[in-house]
Amino acid sequence: MTVPSDGKRPGPRLVSGDEAIADAGRAPAEGRSTTGGRGPGPAGSRRHVDEIGLVRAPGRGARVTVTTWAR
């Protein structure tokens, strides 16, 4: 976790790696669970953060980055 700034305010940024996200193209879709789990997934998480990024590297899993700026 880091605490970057957008030039006006700080905010925590969390980066996490996961090999379970098999289809990064479909993962951001609403109601989509890439593992069959009950978690909100990237689409559900988007409602609670300001920025979300998902990068998939074939054979290496995926990297999810979320940032929320101070209000």
C-alpha atoms as a PDB file:
ATOM      1  CA  MET A   1       0.000   0.000   0.000  1.00  0.00           C
ATOM      2  CA  THR A   2       1.188   3.506  -0.825  1.00  0.00           C
ATOM      3  CA  VAL A   3      -0.309   6.941  -0.158  1.00  0.00           C
ATOM      4  CA  PRO A   4       0.093   9.007  -3.338  1.00  0.00           C
ATOM      5  CA  SER A   5      -1.429  12.419  -4.030  1.00  0.00           C
ATOM      6  CA  ASP A   6      -3.426  13.646  -7.000  1.00  0.00           C
ATOM      7  CA  GLY A   7      -1.932  17.106  -6.479  1.00  0.00           C
ATOM      8  CA  LYS A   8      -4.740  18.236  -4.171  1.00  0.00           C
ATOM      9  CA  ARG A   9      -5.296  15.446  -1.675  1.00  0.00           C
ATOM     10  CA  PRO A  10      -3.723  12.182  -0.517  1.00  0.00           C
ATOM     11  CA  GLY A  11      -5.308   8.785  -0.793  1.00  0.00           C
ATOM     12  CA  PRO A  12      -4.398   5.164  -0.123  1.00  0.00           C
ATOM     13  CA  ARG A  13      -3.518   2.993  -3.122  1.00  0.00           C
ATOM     14  CA  LEU A  14      -3.571  -0.773  -2.785  1.00  0.00           C
ATOM     15  CA  VAL A  15      -1.973  -3.116  -5.327  1.00  0.00           C
ATOM     16  CA  SER A  16      -2.768  -6.818  -5.188  1.00  0.00           C
ATOM     17  CA  GLY A  17      -1.796  -9.759  -7.360  1.00  0.00           C
ATOM     18  CA  ASP A  18      -4.063 -12.692  -8.088  1.00  0.00           C
ATOM     19  CA  GLU A  19      -3.846 -15.700 -10.374  1.00  0.00           C
ATOM     20  CA  ALA A  20      -7.581 -16.448 -10.072  1.00  0.00           C
ATOM     21  CA  ILE A  21      -8.697 -13.746 -12.521  1.00  0.00           C
ATOM     22  CA  ALA A  22      -8.710 -15.900 -15.618  1.00  0.00           C
ATOM     23  CA  ASP A  23     -10.600 -13.541 -17.923  1.00  0.00           C
ATOM     24  CA  ALA A  24      -9.520  -9.940 -17.298  1.00  0.00           C
ATOM     25  CA  GLY A  25     -11.661  -8.741 -20.196  1.00  0.00           C
ATOM     26  CA  ARG A  26     -14.879  -9.917 -18.550  1.00  0.00           C
ATOM     27  CA  ALA A  27     -13.886  -9.275 -14.913  1.00  0.00           C
ATOM     28  CA  PRO A  28     -15.067  -5.624 -14.838  1.00  0.00           C
ATOM     29  CA  ALA A  29     -18.621  -6.628 -15.864  1.00  0.00           C
ATOM     30  CA  GLU A  30     -21.322  -6.047 -13.263  1.00  0.00           C
ATOM     31  CA  GLY A  31     -22.327  -9.218 -11.416  1.00  0.00           C
ATOM     32  CA  ARG A  32     -19.355 -11.133 -12.803  1.00  0.00           C
ATOM     33  CA  SER A  33     -17.457 -13.449 -10.480  1.00  0.00           C
ATOM     34  CA  THR A  34     -14.309 -14.790 -12.084  1.00  0.00           C
ATOM     35  CA  THR A  35     -13.957 -17.523  -9.450  1.00  0.00           C
ATOM     36  CA  GLY A  36     -17.591 -18.274  -8.632  1.00  0.00           C
ATOM     37  CA  GLY A  37     -17.084 -16.563  -5.275  1.00  0.00           C
ATOM     38  CA  ARG A  38     -19.456 -14.199  -3.510  1.00  0.00           C
ATOM     39  CA  GLY A  39     -17.185 -11.152  -3.431  1.00  0.00           C
ATOM     40  CA  PRO A  40     -18.075  -7.983  -5.342  1.00  0.00           C
ATOM     41  CA  GLY A  41     -15.256  -8.399  -7.843  1.00  0.00           C
ATOM     42  CA  PRO A  42     -13.756  -5.465  -9.763  1.00  0.00           C
ATOM     43  CA  ALA A  43     -17.134  -4.082 -10.898  1.00  0.00           C
ATOM     44  CA  GLY A  44     -18.577  -4.015  -7.383  1.00  0.00           C
ATOM     45  CA  SER A  45     -15.386  -2.552  -5.983  1.00  0.00           C
ATOM     46  CA  ARG A  46     -15.482   0.278  -8.533  1.00  0.00           C
ATOM     47  CA  ARG A  47     -18.499   1.788  -6.748  1.00  0.00           C
ATOM     48  CA  HIS A  48     -16.442   2.237  -3.581  1.00  0.00           C
ATOM     49  CA  VAL A  49     -13.189   3.662  -4.950  1.00  0.00           C
ATOM     50  CA  ASP A  50     -12.125   6.515  -7.225  1.00  0.00           C
ATOM     51  CA  GLU A  51      -9.776   4.556  -9.495  1.00  0.00           C
ATOM     52  CA  ILE A  52      -9.430   0.869 -10.295  1.00  0.00           C
ATOM     53  CA  GLY A  53      -7.088  -0.803 -12.738  1.00  0.00           C
ATOM     54  CA  LEU A  54      -6.760  -4.415 -13.825  1.00  0.00           C
ATOM     55  CA  VAL A  55      -3.771  -5.700 -15.788  1.00  0.00           C
ATOM     56  CA  ARG A  56      -3.415  -9.344 -16.802  1.00  0.00           C
ATOM     57  CA  ALA A  57      -0.130 -10.981 -17.728  1.00  0.00           C
ATOM     58  CA  PRO A  58      -0.622 -14.392 -19.415  1.00  0.00           C
ATOM     59  CA  GLY A  59       0.822 -17.132 -17.240  1.00  0.00           C
ATOM     60  CA  ARG A  60       1.510 -14.687 -14.399  1.00  0.00           C
ATOM     61  CA  GLY A  61      -1.941 -13.778 -13.107  1.00  0.00           C
ATOM     62  CA  ALA A  62      -3.407 -10.306 -12.737  1.00  0.00           C
ATOM     63  CA  ARG A  63      -2.592  -7.114 -10.872  1.00  0.00           C
ATOM     64  CA  VAL A  64      -5.436  -5.048  -9.433  1.00  0.00           C
ATOM     65  CA  THR A  65      -4.792  -1.463  -8.323  1.00  0.00           C
ATOM     66  CA  VAL A  66      -7.382   0.569  -6.378  1.00  0.00           C
ATOM     67  CA  THR A  67      -7.127   4.165  -5.175  1.00  0.00           C
ATOM     68  CA  THR A  68      -9.532   6.324  -3.204  1.00  0.00           C
ATOM     69  CA  TRP A  69      -8.834  10.010  -2.629  1.00  0.00           C
ATOM     70  CA  ALA A  70      -9.435  11.788   0.679  1.00  0.00           C
ATOM     71  CA  ARG A  71     -12.699  13.735   0.767  1.00  0.00           C
END
